Amino acid sequence: MNFLVWIIFIVAAVLEVGGDAFVRMGLRTHGWGMILLGMLVLGGYGVMVNMVKWDFSKLLGVYVAVFALVSILCGRFVFKEQIPSSTWLGLAVIIVGGLIIQFGSQR
């Protein structure tokens, strides 16, 4: 996996996490404008992640590990959440799964 794929996955994850955060804020306090912004950002995620020309199952399987990492780091550092050790352990399992999908049998 080359460097550009990692950049695409990270940007896609930031768009997905950010879009979800906008939707969440819209539902909780800020209204429909924030929800619509979130929907647009989530659409950007869909375009970005599919720029990688892999089989769909491999693409999303590996991306999920990147998304999980970005999500937990955003929760910790952006939203100032206390992340329990069980969540960090679950993240490690997800990342190992992503590595198995990436480097496993090539058919």
PDB file of N, CA and C in Angstrom:
ATOM      1  N   MET A   1       0.870  -1.170   0.000  1.00  0.00           N
ATOM      2  CA  MET A   1       0.000   0.000   0.000  1.00  0.00           C
ATOM      3  C   MET A   1       0.914   1.229   0.000  1.00  0.00           C
ATOM      4  N   ASN A   2       0.701   2.093  -0.954  1.00  0.00           N
ATOM      5  CA  ASN A   2       1.593   3.247  -1.057  1.00  0.00           C
ATOM      6  C   ASN A   2       1.105   4.415  -0.190  1.00  0.00           C
ATOM      7  N   PHE A   3       1.946   5.416  -0.101  1.00  0.00           N
ATOM      8  CA  PHE A   3       1.706   6.580   0.758  1.00  0.00           C
ATOM      9  C   PHE A   3       0.421   7.312   0.381  1.00  0.00           C
ATOM     10  N   LEU A   4       0.137   7.437  -0.912  1.00  0.00           N
ATOM     11  CA  LEU A   4      -1.058   8.150  -1.366  1.00  0.00           C
ATOM     12  C   LEU A   4      -2.336   7.478  -0.856  1.00  0.00           C
ATOM     13  N   VAL A   5      -2.356   6.151  -0.829  1.00  0.00           N
ATOM     14  CA  VAL A   5      -3.535   5.439  -0.316  1.00  0.00           C
ATOM     15  C   VAL A   5      -3.766   5.791   1.147  1.00  0.00           C
ATOM     16  N   TRP A   6      -2.696   5.842   1.935  1.00  0.00           N
ATOM     17  CA  TRP A   6      -2.838   6.219   3.350  1.00  0.00           C
ATOM     18  C   TRP A   6      -3.403   7.631   3.489  1.00  0.00           C
ATOM     19  N   ILE A   7      -2.919   8.558   2.672  1.00  0.00           N
ATOM     20  CA  ILE A   7      -3.421   9.938   2.709  1.00  0.00           C
ATOM     21  C   ILE A   7      -4.908   9.964   2.356  1.00  0.00           C
ATOM     22  N   ILE A   8      -5.289   9.252   1.305  1.00  0.00           N
ATOM     23  CA  ILE A   8      -6.698   9.194   0.911  1.00  0.00           C
ATOM     24  C   ILE A   8      -7.545   8.634   2.048  1.00  0.00           C
ATOM     25  N   PHE A   9      -7.098   7.542   2.672  1.00  0.00           N
ATOM     26  CA  PHE A   9      -7.853   6.950   3.773  1.00  0.00           C
ATOM     27  C   PHE A   9      -7.975   7.908   4.956  1.00  0.00           C
ATOM     28  N   ILE A  10      -6.909   8.612   5.279  1.00  0.00           N
ATOM     29  CA  ILE A  10      -6.951   9.544   6.410  1.00  0.00           C
ATOM     30  C   ILE A  10      -7.894  10.706   6.107  1.00  0.00           C
ATOM     31  N   VAL A  11      -7.804  11.274   4.901  1.00  0.00           N
ATOM     32  CA  VAL A  11      -8.716  12.364   4.532  1.00  0.00           C
ATOM     33  C   VAL A  11     -10.158  11.871   4.540  1.00  0.00           C
ATOM     34  N   ALA A  12     -10.399  10.684   3.994  1.00  0.00           N
ATOM     35  CA  ALA A  12     -11.753  10.126   3.987  1.00  0.00           C
ATOM     36  C   ALA A  12     -12.268   9.934   5.412  1.00  0.00           C
ATOM     37  N   ALA A  13     -11.422   9.436   6.300  1.00  0.00           N
ATOM     38  CA  ALA A  13     -11.834   9.226   7.692  1.00  0.00           C
ATOM     39  C   ALA A  13     -12.156  10.546   8.382  1.00  0.00           C
ATOM     40  N   VAL A  14     -11.347  11.566   8.131  1.00  0.00           N
ATOM     41  CA  VAL A  14     -11.618  12.885   8.721  1.00  0.00           C
ATOM     42  C   VAL A  14     -12.952  13.426   8.189  1.00  0.00           C
ATOM     43  N   LEU A  15     -13.212  13.250   6.897  1.00  0.00           N
ATOM     44  CA  LEU A  15     -14.493  13.693   6.337  1.00  0.00           C
ATOM     45  C   LEU A  15     -15.656  12.918   6.954  1.00  0.00           C
ATOM     46  N   GLU A  16     -15.490  11.602   7.112  1.00  0.00           N
ATOM     47  CA  GLU A  16     -16.575  10.802   7.681  1.00  0.00           C
ATOM     48  C   GLU A  16     -16.837  11.165   9.141  1.00  0.00           C
ATOM     49  N   VAL A  17     -15.791  11.282   9.919  1.00  0.00           N
ATOM     50  CA  VAL A  17     -15.943  11.663  11.329  1.00  0.00           C
ATOM     51  C   VAL A  17     -16.511  13.073  11.428  1.00  0.00           C
ATOM     52  N   GLY A  18     -15.990  14.000  10.620  1.00  0.00           N
ATOM     53  CA  GLY A  18     -16.477  15.376  10.654  1.00  0.00           C
ATOM     54  C   GLY A  18     -17.930  15.475  10.223  1.00  0.00           C
ATOM     55  N   GLY A  19     -18.299  14.770   9.159  1.00  0.00           N
ATOM     56  CA  GLY A  19     -19.684  14.785   8.706  1.00  0.00           C
ATOM     57  C   GLY A  19     -20.627  14.246   9.768  1.00  0.00           C
ATOM     58  N   ASP A  20     -20.227  13.162  10.403  1.00  0.00           N
ATOM     59  CA  ASP A  20     -21.044  12.607  11.477  1.00  0.00           C
ATOM     60  C   ASP A  20     -21.154  13.582  12.645  1.00  0.00           C
ATOM     61  N   ALA A  21     -20.066  14.265  12.962  1.00  0.00           N
ATOM     62  CA  ALA A  21     -20.101  15.246  14.055  1.00  0.00           C
ATOM     63  C   ALA A  21     -21.053  16.396  13.728  1.00  0.00           C
ATOM     64  N   PHE A  22     -21.065  16.855  12.470  1.00  0.00           N
ATOM     65  CA  PHE A  22     -22.001  17.913  12.074  1.00  0.00           C
ATOM     66  C   PHE A  22     -23.450  17.443  12.200  1.00  0.00           C
ATOM     67  N   VAL A  23     -23.717  16.224  11.740  1.00  0.00           N
ATOM     68  CA  VAL A  23     -25.075  15.683  11.855  1.00  0.00           C
ATOM     69  C   VAL A  23     -25.475  15.593  13.324  1.00  0.00           C
ATOM     70  N   ARG A  24     -24.577  15.096  14.150  1.00  0.00           N
ATOM     71  CA  ARG A  24     -24.848  14.960  15.590  1.00  0.00           C
ATOM     72  C   ARG A  24     -25.165  16.322  16.214  1.00  0.00           C
ATOM     73  N   MET A  25     -24.345  17.324  15.886  1.00  0.00           N
ATOM     74  CA  MET A  25     -24.595  18.666  16.424  1.00  0.00           C
ATOM     75  C   MET A  25     -25.926  19.215  15.930  1.00  0.00           C
ATOM     76  N   GLY A  26     -26.229  18.976  14.662  1.00  0.00           N
ATOM     77  CA  GLY A  26     -27.492  19.441  14.111  1.00  0.00           C
ATOM     78  C   GLY A  26     -28.683  18.812  14.809  1.00  0.00           C
ATOM     79  N   LEU A  27     -28.593  17.529  15.083  1.00  0.00           N
ATOM     80  CA  LEU A  27     -29.692  16.843  15.759  1.00  0.00           C
ATOM     81  C   LEU A  27     -29.844  17.291  17.206  1.00  0.00           C
ATOM     82  N   ARG A  28     -28.745  17.658  17.825  1.00  0.00           N
ATOM     83  CA  ARG A  28     -28.797  17.995  19.244  1.00  0.00           C
ATOM     84  C   ARG A  28     -29.074  19.459  19.516  1.00  0.00           C
ATOM     85  N   THR A  29     -28.535  20.367  18.691  1.00  0.00           N
ATOM     86  CA  THR A  29     -28.723  21.777  19.037  1.00  0.00           C
ATOM     87  C   THR A  29     -28.813  22.741  17.868  1.00  0.00           C
ATOM     88  N   HIS A  30     -28.123  22.481  16.785  1.00  0.00           N
ATOM     89  CA  HIS A  30     -27.943  23.506  15.756  1.00  0.00           C
ATOM     90  C   HIS A  30     -28.921  23.446  14.588  1.00  0.00           C
ATOM     91  N   GLY A  31     -29.708  22.419  14.455  1.00  0.00           N
ATOM     92  CA  GLY A  31     -30.751  22.366  13.444  1.00  0.00           C
ATOM     93  C   GLY A  31     -30.349  21.834  12.092  1.00  0.00           C
ATOM     94  N   TRP A  32     -31.266  22.037  11.151  1.00  0.00           N
ATOM     95  CA  TRP A  32     -31.160  21.443   9.821  1.00  0.00           C
ATOM     96  C   TRP A  32     -29.967  21.919   9.003  1.00  0.00           C
ATOM     97  N   GLY A  33     -29.533  23.132   9.157  1.00  0.00           N
ATOM     98  CA  GLY A  33     -28.371  23.614   8.405  1.00  0.00           C
ATOM     99  C   GLY A  33     -27.136  22.784   8.701  1.00  0.00           C
ATOM    100  N   MET A  34     -26.926  22.478   9.968  1.00  0.00           N
ATOM    101  CA  MET A  34     -25.773  21.669  10.362  1.00  0.00           C
ATOM    102  C   MET A  34     -25.936  20.227   9.864  1.00  0.00           C
ATOM    103  N   ILE A  35     -27.156  19.717   9.874  1.00  0.00           N
ATOM    104  CA  ILE A  35     -27.410  18.365   9.366  1.00  0.00           C
ATOM    105  C   ILE A  35     -27.098  18.305   7.875  1.00  0.00           C
ATOM    106  N   LEU A  36     -27.530  19.296   7.127  1.00  0.00           N
ATOM    107  CA  LEU A  36     -27.251  19.326   5.685  1.00  0.00           C
ATOM    108  C   LEU A  36     -25.757  19.451   5.402  1.00  0.00           C
ATOM    109  N   LEU A  37     -25.062  20.266   6.189  1.00  0.00           N
ATOM    110  CA  LEU A  37     -23.609  20.362   6.042  1.00  0.00           C
ATOM    111  C   LEU A  37     -22.971  18.999   6.283  1.00  0.00           C
ATOM    112  N   GLY A  38     -23.419  18.316   7.313  1.00  0.00           N
ATOM    113  CA  GLY A  38     -22.911  16.977   7.607  1.00  0.00           C
ATOM    114  C   GLY A  38     -23.145  16.013   6.459  1.00  0.00           C
ATOM    115  N   MET A  39     -24.311  16.100   5.853  1.00  0.00           N
ATOM    116  CA  MET A  39     -24.615  15.235   4.717  1.00  0.00           C
ATOM    117  C   MET A  39     -23.681  15.511   3.543  1.00  0.00           C
ATOM    118  N   LEU A  40     -23.383  16.768   3.289  1.00  0.00           N
ATOM    119  CA  LEU A  40     -22.448  17.118   2.212  1.00  0.00           C
ATOM    120  C   LEU A  40     -21.043  16.591   2.498  1.00  0.00           C
ATOM    121  N   VAL A  41     -20.604  16.749   3.725  1.00  0.00           N
ATOM    122  CA  VAL A  41     -19.272  16.274   4.100  1.00  0.00           C
ATOM    123  C   VAL A  41     -19.210  14.748   3.995  1.00  0.00           C
ATOM    124  N   LEU A  42     -20.283  14.065   4.414  1.00  0.00           N
ATOM    125  CA  LEU A  42     -20.323  12.607   4.287  1.00  0.00           C
ATOM    126  C   LEU A  42     -20.291  12.172   2.824  1.00  0.00           C
ATOM    127  N   GLY A  43     -20.914  12.947   1.959  1.00  0.00           N
ATOM    128  CA  GLY A  43     -20.810  12.661   0.525  1.00  0.00           C
ATOM    129  C   GLY A  43     -19.379  12.782   0.029  1.00  0.00           C
ATOM    130  N   GLY A  44     -18.662  13.769   0.552  1.00  0.00           N
ATOM    131  CA  GLY A  44     -17.242  13.928   0.206  1.00  0.00           C
ATOM    132  C   GLY A  44     -16.424  12.728   0.645  1.00  0.00           C
ATOM    133  N   TYR A  45     -16.763  12.182   1.800  1.00  0.00           N
ATOM    134  CA  TYR A  45     -16.092  10.961   2.258  1.00  0.00           C
ATOM    135  C   TYR A  45     -16.294   9.834   1.246  1.00  0.00           C
ATOM    136  N   GLY A  46     -17.541   9.670   0.783  1.00  0.00           N
ATOM    137  CA  GLY A  46     -17.836   8.588  -0.151  1.00  0.00           C
ATOM    138  C   GLY A  46     -17.039   8.697  -1.438  1.00  0.00           C
ATOM    139  N   VAL A  47     -16.893   9.905  -1.924  1.00  0.00           N
ATOM    140  CA  VAL A  47     -16.101  10.121  -3.133  1.00  0.00           C
ATOM    141  C   VAL A  47     -14.627   9.845  -2.844  1.00  0.00           C
ATOM    142  N   MET A  48     -14.129  10.366  -1.745  1.00  0.00           N
ATOM    143  CA  MET A  48     -12.702  10.234  -1.415  1.00  0.00           C
ATOM    144  C   MET A  48     -12.299   8.768  -1.248  1.00  0.00           C
ATOM    145  N   VAL A  49     -13.029   8.035  -0.425  1.00  0.00           N
ATOM    146  CA  VAL A  49     -12.617   6.655  -0.131  1.00  0.00           C
ATOM    147  C   VAL A  49     -12.650   5.785  -1.389  1.00  0.00           C
ATOM    148  N   ASN A  50     -13.540   6.085  -2.317  1.00  0.00           N
ATOM    149  CA  ASN A  50     -13.640   5.264  -3.520  1.00  0.00           C
ATOM    150  C   ASN A  50     -12.657   5.662  -4.614  1.00  0.00           C
ATOM    151  N   MET A  51     -11.769   6.615  -4.313  1.00  0.00           N
ATOM    152  CA  MET A  51     -10.698   6.955  -5.251  1.00  0.00           C
ATOM    153  C   MET A  51      -9.634   5.860  -5.288  1.00  0.00           C
ATOM    154  N   VAL A  52      -9.597   5.040  -4.245  1.00  0.00           N
ATOM    155  CA  VAL A  52      -8.655   3.921  -4.210  1.00  0.00           C
ATOM    156  C   VAL A  52      -9.251   2.800  -5.065  1.00  0.00           C
ATOM    157  N   LYS A  53      -8.507   2.329  -6.035  1.00  0.00           N
ATOM    158  CA  LYS A  53      -9.009   1.354  -7.006  1.00  0.00           C
ATOM    159  C   LYS A  53      -8.736  -0.081  -6.541  1.00  0.00           C
ATOM    160  N   TRP A  54      -9.393  -0.485  -5.463  1.00  0.00           N
ATOM    161  CA  TRP A  54      -9.281  -1.845  -4.942  1.00  0.00           C
ATOM    162  C   TRP A  54     -10.635  -2.511  -5.031  1.00  0.00           C
ATOM    163  N   ASP A  55     -10.654  -3.841  -4.828  1.00  0.00           N
ATOM    164  CA  ASP A  55     -11.928  -4.536  -4.656  1.00  0.00           C
ATOM    165  C   ASP A  55     -12.653  -3.894  -3.487  1.00  0.00           C
ATOM    166  N   PHE A  56     -13.968  -3.769  -3.600  1.00  0.00           N
ATOM    167  CA  PHE A  56     -14.760  -3.066  -2.589  1.00  0.00           C
ATOM    168  C   PHE A  56     -14.576  -3.677  -1.199  1.00  0.00           C
ATOM    169  N   SER A  57     -14.570  -5.005  -1.104  1.00  0.00           N
ATOM    170  CA  SER A  57     -14.454  -5.649   0.216  1.00  0.00           C
ATOM    171  C   SER A  57     -13.106  -5.337   0.871  1.00  0.00           C
ATOM    172  N   LYS A  58     -12.041  -5.368   0.108  1.00  0.00           N
ATOM    173  CA  LYS A  58     -10.724  -5.045   0.654  1.00  0.00           C
ATOM    174  C   LYS A  58     -10.642  -3.561   1.000  1.00  0.00           C
ATOM    175  N   LEU A  59     -11.151  -2.725   0.101  1.00  0.00           N
ATOM    176  CA  LEU A  59     -11.132  -1.281   0.308  1.00  0.00           C
ATOM    177  C   LEU A  59     -11.775  -0.919   1.641  1.00  0.00           C
ATOM    178  N   LEU A  60     -13.015  -1.345   1.832  1.00  0.00           N
ATOM    179  CA  LEU A  60     -13.731  -0.972   3.051  1.00  0.00           C
ATOM    180  C   LEU A  60     -13.208  -1.730   4.262  1.00  0.00           C
ATOM    181  N   GLY A  61     -12.729  -2.941   4.077  1.00  0.00           N
ATOM    182  CA  GLY A  61     -12.163  -3.695   5.201  1.00  0.00           C
ATOM    183  C   GLY A  61     -10.947  -3.004   5.801  1.00  0.00           C
ATOM    184  N   VAL A  62     -10.053  -2.541   4.955  1.00  0.00           N
ATOM    185  CA  VAL A  62      -8.857  -1.835   5.434  1.00  0.00           C
ATOM    186  C   VAL A  62      -9.229  -0.433   5.919  1.00  0.00           C
ATOM    187  N   TYR A  63     -10.121   0.240   5.193  1.00  0.00           N
ATOM    188  CA  TYR A  63     -10.522   1.595   5.581  1.00  0.00           C
ATOM    189  C   TYR A  63     -11.146   1.629   6.971  1.00  0.00           C
ATOM    190  N   VAL A  64     -11.915   0.611   7.312  1.00  0.00           N
ATOM    191  CA  VAL A  64     -12.565   0.582   8.627  1.00  0.00           C
ATOM    192  C   VAL A  64     -11.534   0.717   9.752  1.00  0.00           C
ATOM    193  N   ALA A  65     -10.376   0.109   9.590  1.00  0.00           N
ATOM    194  CA  ALA A  65      -9.333   0.222  10.617  1.00  0.00           C
ATOM    195  C   ALA A  65      -8.846   1.667  10.730  1.00  0.00           C
ATOM    196  N   VAL A  66      -8.648   2.330   9.607  1.00  0.00           N
ATOM    197  CA  VAL A  66      -8.218   3.733   9.628  1.00  0.00           C
ATOM    198  C   VAL A  66      -9.316   4.596  10.239  1.00  0.00           C
ATOM    199  N   PHE A  67     -10.564   4.358   9.821  1.00  0.00           N
ATOM    200  CA  PHE A  67     -11.693   5.114  10.354  1.00  0.00           C
ATOM    201  C   PHE A  67     -11.811   4.941  11.864  1.00  0.00           C
ATOM    202  N   ALA A  68     -11.676   3.713  12.347  1.00  0.00           N
ATOM    203  CA  ALA A  68     -11.785   3.468  13.788  1.00  0.00           C
ATOM    204  C   ALA A  68     -10.713   4.240  14.551  1.00  0.00           C
ATOM    205  N   LEU A  69      -9.495   4.233  14.044  1.00  0.00           N
ATOM    206  CA  LEU A  69      -8.410   4.964  14.692  1.00  0.00           C
ATOM    207  C   LEU A  69      -8.697   6.463  14.728  1.00  0.00           C
ATOM    208  N   VAL A  70      -9.073   7.038  13.590  1.00  0.00           N
ATOM    209  CA  VAL A  70      -9.370   8.476  13.533  1.00  0.00           C
ATOM    210  C   VAL A  70     -10.544   8.812  14.449  1.00  0.00           C
ATOM    211  N   SER A  71     -11.571   7.960  14.470  1.00  0.00           N
ATOM    212  CA  SER A  71     -12.742   8.206  15.318  1.00  0.00           C
ATOM    213  C   SER A  71     -12.376   8.273  16.792  1.00  0.00           C
ATOM    214  N   ILE A  72     -11.606   7.318  17.240  1.00  0.00           N
ATOM    215  CA  ILE A  72     -11.234   7.278  18.657  1.00  0.00           C
ATOM    216  C   ILE A  72     -10.305   8.427  19.007  1.00  0.00           C
ATOM    217  N   LEU A  73      -9.378   8.743  18.126  1.00  0.00           N
ATOM    218  CA  LEU A  73      -8.490   9.882  18.386  1.00  0.00           C
ATOM    219  C   LEU A  73      -9.269  11.192  18.409  1.00  0.00           C
ATOM    220  N   CYS A  74     -10.267  11.351  17.534  1.00  0.00           N
ATOM    221  CA  CYS A  74     -11.112  12.554  17.562  1.00  0.00           C
ATOM    222  C   CYS A  74     -11.903  12.616  18.862  1.00  0.00           C
ATOM    223  N   GLY A  75     -12.454  11.498  19.268  1.00  0.00           N
ATOM    224  CA  GLY A  75     -13.180  11.476  20.532  1.00  0.00           C
ATOM    225  C   GLY A  75     -12.297  11.917  21.682  1.00  0.00           C
ATOM    226  N   ARG A  76     -11.078  11.430  21.677  1.00  0.00           N
ATOM    227  CA  ARG A  76     -10.152  11.734  22.770  1.00  0.00           C
ATOM    228  C   ARG A  76      -9.665  13.183  22.734  1.00  0.00           C
ATOM    229  N   PHE A  77      -9.205  13.634  21.573  1.00  0.00           N
ATOM    230  CA  PHE A  77      -8.519  14.922  21.526  1.00  0.00           C
ATOM    231  C   PHE A  77      -9.402  16.100  21.082  1.00  0.00           C
ATOM    232  N   VAL A  78     -10.426  15.845  20.278  1.00  0.00           N
ATOM    233  CA  VAL A  78     -11.307  16.927  19.849  1.00  0.00           C
ATOM    234  C   VAL A  78     -12.458  17.106  20.832  1.00  0.00           C
ATOM    235  N   PHE A  79     -13.097  15.977  21.177  1.00  0.00           N
ATOM    236  CA  PHE A  79     -14.258  16.052  22.063  1.00  0.00           C
ATOM    237  C   PHE A  79     -13.903  15.841  23.537  1.00  0.00           C
ATOM    238  N   LYS A  80     -12.614  15.638  23.821  1.00  0.00           N
ATOM    239  CA  LYS A  80     -12.099  15.524  25.195  1.00  0.00           C
ATOM    240  C   LYS A  80     -12.766  14.392  25.981  1.00  0.00           C
ATOM    241  N   GLU A  81     -13.087  13.286  25.294  1.00  0.00           N
ATOM    242  CA  GLU A  81     -13.697  12.132  25.952  1.00  0.00           C
ATOM    243  C   GLU A  81     -12.618  11.280  26.616  1.00  0.00           C
ATOM    244  N   GLN A  82     -12.989  10.645  27.686  1.00  0.00           N
ATOM    245  CA  GLN A  82     -12.108   9.665  28.317  1.00  0.00           C
ATOM    246  C   GLN A  82     -12.378   8.319  27.646  1.00  0.00           C
ATOM    247  N   ILE A  83     -11.388   7.764  27.015  1.00  0.00           N
ATOM    248  CA  ILE A  83     -11.557   6.520  26.261  1.00  0.00           C
ATOM    249  C   ILE A  83     -11.172   5.352  27.174  1.00  0.00           C
ATOM    250  N   PRO A  84     -12.102   4.426  27.421  1.00  0.00           N
ATOM    251  CA  PRO A  84     -11.791   3.297  28.289  1.00  0.00           C
ATOM    252  C   PRO A  84     -10.803   2.330  27.636  1.00  0.00           C
ATOM    253  N   SER A  85     -10.106   1.596  28.459  1.00  0.00           N
ATOM    254  CA  SER A  85      -9.099   0.657  27.940  1.00  0.00           C
ATOM    255  C   SER A  85      -9.735  -0.407  27.051  1.00  0.00           C
ATOM    256  N   SER A  86     -10.979  -0.772  27.312  1.00  0.00           N
ATOM    257  CA  SER A  86     -11.640  -1.761  26.454  1.00  0.00           C
ATOM    258  C   SER A  86     -11.809  -1.229  25.031  1.00  0.00           C
ATOM    259  N   THR A  87     -11.999   0.073  24.876  1.00  0.00           N
ATOM    260  CA  THR A  87     -12.115   0.666  23.542  1.00  0.00           C
ATOM    261  C   THR A  87     -10.771   0.619  22.828  1.00  0.00           C
ATOM    262  N   TRP A  88      -9.686   0.927  23.550  1.00  0.00           N
ATOM    263  CA  TRP A  88      -8.354   0.843  22.944  1.00  0.00           C
ATOM    264  C   TRP A  88      -8.054  -0.597  22.532  1.00  0.00           C
ATOM    265  N   LEU A  89      -8.443  -1.563  23.361  1.00  0.00           N
ATOM    266  CA  LEU A  89      -8.237  -2.972  23.022  1.00  0.00           C
ATOM    267  C   LEU A  89      -9.043  -3.337  21.778  1.00  0.00           C
ATOM    268  N   GLY A  90     -10.303  -2.908  21.722  1.00  0.00           N
ATOM    269  CA  GLY A  90     -11.125  -3.157  20.538  1.00  0.00           C
ATOM    270  C   GLY A  90     -10.521  -2.541  19.296  1.00  0.00           C
ATOM    271  N   LEU A  91      -9.968  -1.332  19.429  1.00  0.00           N
ATOM    272  CA  LEU A  91      -9.297  -0.682  18.309  1.00  0.00           C
ATOM    273  C   LEU A  91      -8.128  -1.533  17.820  1.00  0.00           C
ATOM    274  N   ALA A  92      -7.360  -2.063  18.746  1.00  0.00           N
ATOM    275  CA  ALA A  92      -6.225  -2.919  18.364  1.00  0.00           C
ATOM    276  C   ALA A  92      -6.705  -4.139  17.572  1.00  0.00           C
ATOM    277  N   VAL A  93      -7.809  -4.737  17.994  1.00  0.00           N
ATOM    278  CA  VAL A  93      -8.365  -5.891  17.279  1.00  0.00           C
ATOM    279  C   VAL A  93      -8.790  -5.486  15.868  1.00  0.00           C
ATOM    280  N   ILE A  94      -9.438  -4.326  15.743  1.00  0.00           N
ATOM    281  CA  ILE A  94      -9.870  -3.840  14.428  1.00  0.00           C
ATOM    282  C   ILE A  94      -8.666  -3.585  13.524  1.00  0.00           C
ATOM    283  N   ILE A  95      -7.616  -2.988  14.067  1.00  0.00           N
ATOM    284  CA  ILE A  95      -6.415  -2.715  13.267  1.00  0.00           C
ATOM    285  C   ILE A  95      -5.760  -4.017  12.822  1.00  0.00           C
ATOM    286  N   VAL A  96      -5.687  -4.998  13.709  1.00  0.00           N
ATOM    287  CA  VAL A  96      -5.137  -6.301  13.320  1.00  0.00           C
ATOM    288  C   VAL A  96      -5.986  -6.899  12.194  1.00  0.00           C
ATOM    289  N   GLY A  97      -7.312  -6.779  12.302  1.00  0.00           N
ATOM    290  CA  GLY A  97      -8.183  -7.262  11.231  1.00  0.00           C
ATOM    291  C   GLY A  97      -7.899  -6.565   9.914  1.00  0.00           C
ATOM    292  N   GLY A  98      -7.712  -5.247   9.950  1.00  0.00           N
ATOM    293  CA  GLY A  98      -7.377  -4.498   8.740  1.00  0.00           C
ATOM    294  C   GLY A  98      -6.059  -4.964   8.133  1.00  0.00           C
ATOM    295  N   LEU A  99      -5.091  -5.248   8.981  1.00  0.00           N
ATOM    296  CA  LEU A  99      -3.792  -5.741   8.490  1.00  0.00           C
ATOM    297  C   LEU A  99      -3.934  -7.124   7.858  1.00  0.00           C
ATOM    298  N   ILE A 100      -4.760  -7.967   8.446  1.00  0.00           N
ATOM    299  CA  ILE A 100      -4.997  -9.296   7.864  1.00  0.00           C
ATOM    300  C   ILE A 100      -5.642  -9.156   6.489  1.00  0.00           C
ATOM    301  N   ILE A 101      -6.626  -8.265   6.384  1.00  0.00           N
ATOM    302  CA  ILE A 101      -7.283  -8.050   5.084  1.00  0.00           C
ATOM    303  C   ILE A 101      -6.280  -7.513   4.076  1.00  0.00           C
ATOM    304  N   GLN A 102      -5.439  -6.568   4.483  1.00  0.00           N
ATOM    305  CA  GLN A 102      -4.480  -5.941   3.574  1.00  0.00           C
ATOM    306  C   GLN A 102      -3.398  -6.908   3.115  1.00  0.00           C
ATOM    307  N   PHE A 103      -2.839  -7.647   4.054  1.00  0.00           N
ATOM    308  CA  PHE A 103      -1.657  -8.446   3.718  1.00  0.00           C
ATOM    309  C   PHE A 103      -1.939  -9.924   3.633  1.00  0.00           C
ATOM    310  N   GLY A 104      -3.195 -10.336   3.771  1.00  0.00           N
ATOM    311  CA  GLY A 104      -3.561 -11.747   3.683  1.00  0.00           C
ATOM    312  C   GLY A 104      -3.440 -12.259   2.260  1.00  0.00           C
ATOM    313  N   SER A 105      -4.050 -13.389   2.039  1.00  0.00           N
ATOM    314  CA  SER A 105      -4.005 -14.063   0.740  1.00  0.00           C
ATOM    315  C   SER A 105      -4.373 -13.102  -0.389  1.00  0.00           C
ATOM    316  N   GLN A 106      -3.591 -13.135  -1.420  1.00  0.00           N
ATOM    317  CA  GLN A 106      -3.824 -12.268  -2.582  1.00  0.00           C
ATOM    318  C   GLN A 106      -4.577 -13.012  -3.680  1.00  0.00           C
ATOM    319  N   ARG A 107      -5.233 -14.104  -3.355  1.00  0.00           N
ATOM    320  CA  ARG A 107      -6.014 -14.992  -4.239  1.00  0.00           C
ATOM    321  C   ARG A 107      -5.138 -15.897  -4.978  1.00  0.00           C
TER     322      ARG A 107
END
